[in-house]
N, C-alpha and C. Protein backbone atom coordinates (compact mmCIF):
# COMPACT_ATOMS: atom_id res chain seq x y z
N UNK A 1 10.19 3.80 4.15
CA UNK A 1 10.21 3.36 5.53
C UNK A 1 11.60 3.55 6.13
N UNK A 2 12.63 3.24 5.33
CA UNK A 2 13.98 3.39 5.82
C UNK A 2 14.30 4.86 6.09
N UNK A 3 13.81 5.76 5.24
CA UNK A 3 14.03 7.19 5.44
C UNK A 3 13.41 7.66 6.76
N UNK A 4 12.23 7.20 7.04
CA UNK A 4 11.55 7.60 8.28
C UNK A 4 12.33 7.11 9.49
N UNK A 5 12.77 5.86 9.47
CA UNK A 5 13.55 5.33 10.59
C UNK A 5 14.88 6.08 10.75
N UNK A 6 15.56 6.36 9.64
CA UNK A 6 16.81 7.12 9.72
C UNK A 6 16.56 8.52 10.27
N UNK A 7 15.47 9.13 9.88
CA UNK A 7 15.12 10.46 10.39
C UNK A 7 14.90 10.42 11.90
N UNK A 8 14.19 9.41 12.37
CA UNK A 8 13.93 9.27 13.82
C UNK A 8 15.22 9.00 14.58
N UNK A 9 16.07 8.09 14.07
CA UNK A 9 17.33 7.79 14.75
C UNK A 9 18.28 8.98 14.74
N UNK A 10 18.27 9.74 13.67
CA UNK A 10 19.11 10.94 13.61
C UNK A 10 18.64 11.95 14.65
N UNK A 11 17.34 12.12 14.79
CA UNK A 11 16.80 13.00 15.82
C UNK A 11 17.14 12.52 17.21
N UNK A 12 17.05 11.22 17.45
CA UNK A 12 17.41 10.67 18.76
C UNK A 12 18.90 10.87 19.05
N UNK A 13 19.73 10.72 18.05
CA UNK A 13 21.16 10.95 18.23
C UNK A 13 21.43 12.39 18.67
N UNK A 14 20.80 13.34 18.00
CA UNK A 14 21.01 14.73 18.39
C UNK A 14 20.39 15.03 19.75
N UNK A 15 19.29 14.38 20.09
CA UNK A 15 18.72 14.56 21.42
C UNK A 15 19.67 14.04 22.49
N UNK A 16 20.27 12.88 22.25
CA UNK A 16 21.20 12.30 23.22
C UNK A 16 22.43 13.19 23.36
N UNK A 17 22.95 13.69 22.24
CA UNK A 17 24.09 14.61 22.32
C UNK A 17 23.71 15.86 23.09
N UNK A 18 22.52 16.41 22.83
CA UNK A 18 22.07 17.62 23.53
C UNK A 18 21.89 17.36 25.03
N UNK A 19 21.35 16.20 25.38
CA UNK A 19 21.03 15.89 26.78
C UNK A 19 22.26 15.55 27.59
N UNK A 20 23.14 14.71 27.05
CA UNK A 20 24.25 14.19 27.84
C UNK A 20 25.59 14.87 27.55
N UNK A 21 25.71 15.52 26.41
CA UNK A 21 26.96 16.19 26.05
C UNK A 21 26.65 17.62 25.58
N UNK A 22 26.25 18.52 26.48
CA UNK A 22 25.84 19.86 26.04
C UNK A 22 26.99 20.67 25.44
N UNK A 23 28.22 20.46 25.90
CA UNK A 23 29.35 21.21 25.32
C UNK A 23 29.59 20.79 23.87
N UNK A 24 29.51 19.49 23.63
CA UNK A 24 29.69 19.00 22.26
C UNK A 24 28.55 19.48 21.36
N UNK A 25 27.33 19.51 21.89
CA UNK A 25 26.20 19.99 21.10
C UNK A 25 26.37 21.48 20.78
N UNK A 26 26.84 22.25 21.75
CA UNK A 26 27.07 23.68 21.51
C UNK A 26 28.15 23.88 20.45
N UNK A 27 29.20 23.04 20.48
CA UNK A 27 30.24 23.12 19.46
C UNK A 27 29.67 22.81 18.08
N UNK A 28 28.84 21.78 17.97
CA UNK A 28 28.21 21.45 16.68
C UNK A 28 27.34 22.60 16.18
N UNK A 29 26.58 23.20 17.09
CA UNK A 29 25.70 24.30 16.70
C UNK A 29 26.51 25.50 16.22
N UNK A 30 27.61 25.82 16.91
CA UNK A 30 28.43 26.96 16.48
C UNK A 30 29.10 26.68 15.14
N UNK A 31 29.54 25.44 14.89
CA UNK A 31 30.14 25.11 13.60
C UNK A 31 29.12 25.23 12.47
N UNK A 32 27.94 24.71 12.70
CA UNK A 32 26.91 24.78 11.66
C UNK A 32 26.48 26.23 11.42
N UNK A 33 26.40 27.01 12.47
CA UNK A 33 26.06 28.43 12.32
C UNK A 33 27.13 29.15 11.51
N UNK A 34 28.39 28.89 11.81
CA UNK A 34 29.48 29.53 11.07
C UNK A 34 29.48 29.09 9.61
N UNK A 35 29.22 27.81 9.35
CA UNK A 35 29.16 27.32 7.98
C UNK A 35 28.00 27.95 7.22
N UNK A 36 26.85 28.04 7.86
CA UNK A 36 25.69 28.65 7.22
C UNK A 36 25.96 30.12 6.89
N UNK A 37 26.54 30.86 7.83
CA UNK A 37 26.85 32.27 7.59
C UNK A 37 27.85 32.43 6.45
N UNK A 38 28.87 31.56 6.42
CA UNK A 38 29.87 31.64 5.36
C UNK A 38 29.25 31.37 3.99
N UNK A 39 28.42 30.32 3.90
CA UNK A 39 27.76 30.01 2.62
C UNK A 39 26.80 31.11 2.22
N UNK A 40 26.08 31.68 3.19
CA UNK A 40 25.15 32.77 2.88
C UNK A 40 25.90 33.96 2.30
N UNK A 41 27.00 34.35 2.94
CA UNK A 41 27.77 35.50 2.44
C UNK A 41 28.44 35.19 1.11
N UNK A 42 28.86 33.95 0.91
CA UNK A 42 29.47 33.56 -0.36
C UNK A 42 28.48 33.70 -1.50
N UNK A 43 27.28 33.11 -1.35
CA UNK A 43 26.29 33.19 -2.42
C UNK A 43 25.74 34.60 -2.58
N UNK A 44 25.61 35.31 -1.48
CA UNK A 44 25.13 36.69 -1.56
C UNK A 44 26.11 37.55 -2.35
N UNK A 45 27.40 37.42 -2.08
CA UNK A 45 28.39 38.21 -2.82
C UNK A 45 28.48 37.75 -4.27
N UNK A 46 28.32 36.45 -4.52
CA UNK A 46 28.34 35.95 -5.89
C UNK A 46 27.18 36.52 -6.70
N UNK A 47 25.97 36.47 -6.15
CA UNK A 47 24.82 37.02 -6.85
C UNK A 47 24.94 38.53 -7.02
N UNK A 48 25.54 39.20 -6.05
CA UNK A 48 25.73 40.64 -6.15
C UNK A 48 26.68 40.97 -7.31
N UNK A 49 27.76 40.19 -7.46
CA UNK A 49 28.69 40.41 -8.55
C UNK A 49 28.05 40.12 -9.90
N UNK A 50 27.22 39.08 -9.98
CA UNK A 50 26.55 38.76 -11.23
C UNK A 50 25.57 39.87 -11.60
N UNK A 51 24.81 40.36 -10.64
CA UNK A 51 23.87 41.45 -10.92
C UNK A 51 24.60 42.71 -11.33
N UNK A 52 25.74 42.99 -10.71
CA UNK A 52 26.51 44.17 -11.07
C UNK A 52 27.04 44.04 -12.49
N UNK A 53 27.50 42.84 -12.86
CA UNK A 53 28.02 42.61 -14.20
C UNK A 53 26.92 42.72 -15.24
N UNK A 54 25.72 42.25 -14.92
CA UNK A 54 24.62 42.35 -15.87
C UNK A 54 24.14 43.80 -16.01
N UNK A 55 24.21 44.57 -14.95
CA UNK A 55 23.75 45.96 -15.00
C UNK A 55 24.69 46.83 -15.81
N UNK A 56 25.98 46.52 -15.81
CA UNK A 56 26.95 47.34 -16.54
C UNK A 56 27.23 46.83 -17.94
N UNK A 57 26.55 45.77 -18.35
CA UNK A 57 26.78 45.19 -19.68
C UNK A 57 26.22 46.13 -20.74
N UNK A 58 27.04 46.42 -21.76
CA UNK A 58 26.59 47.27 -22.85
C UNK A 58 25.95 46.41 -23.94
N UNK A 59 25.11 47.04 -24.70
CA UNK A 59 24.47 46.35 -25.82
C UNK A 59 25.52 46.08 -26.89
N UNK A 60 25.51 44.88 -27.49
CA UNK A 60 26.52 44.58 -28.52
C UNK A 60 26.29 45.42 -29.77
N UNK A 61 27.36 45.75 -30.41
CA UNK A 61 27.28 46.50 -31.67
C UNK A 61 26.75 45.58 -32.77
N UNK A 62 25.99 46.16 -33.66
CA UNK A 62 25.39 45.36 -34.74
C UNK A 62 26.46 44.76 -35.64
N UNK A 63 27.55 45.49 -35.86
CA UNK A 63 28.62 44.99 -36.73
C UNK A 63 29.30 43.77 -36.11
N UNK A 64 29.34 43.71 -34.80
CA UNK A 64 29.96 42.57 -34.14
C UNK A 64 29.10 41.32 -34.22
N UNK A 65 27.81 41.50 -34.46
CA UNK A 65 26.91 40.36 -34.55
C UNK A 65 26.83 39.75 -35.95
N UNK A 66 27.36 40.44 -36.97
CA UNK A 66 27.26 39.93 -38.34
C UNK A 66 27.91 38.56 -38.51
N UNK A 67 29.12 38.30 -38.02
CA UNK A 67 29.67 36.94 -38.18
C UNK A 67 28.79 35.88 -37.52
N UNK A 68 28.21 36.19 -36.40
CA UNK A 68 27.34 35.25 -35.71
C UNK A 68 26.11 34.94 -36.57
N UNK A 69 25.54 35.94 -37.20
CA UNK A 69 24.36 35.73 -38.02
C UNK A 69 24.66 34.88 -39.23
N UNK A 70 25.82 35.12 -39.86
CA UNK A 70 26.18 34.31 -41.04
C UNK A 70 26.54 32.89 -40.65
N UNK A 71 27.19 32.72 -39.50
CA UNK A 71 27.60 31.38 -39.07
C UNK A 71 26.40 30.55 -38.66
N UNK A 72 25.39 31.19 -38.13
CA UNK A 72 24.22 30.48 -37.63
C UNK A 72 23.40 29.87 -38.76
N UNK A 73 23.44 30.45 -39.96
CA UNK A 73 22.65 29.95 -41.08
C UNK A 73 23.18 28.69 -41.58
């Protein structure tokens, strides 16, 4: 119940800002848009680097895996 009331009051707050303070609302919208674009490009470049690293990864040599096999037993 508290979540629903907070959701309604949050919506009313943004409606009041939009209705009575349009410049402030435009500033909020531009900040959120810039933040969203920055986060999108950050995660997009991060996933791109991970995919590039996985694509260029070579198969490990069998001799390099021998210590791991003995240690695991």
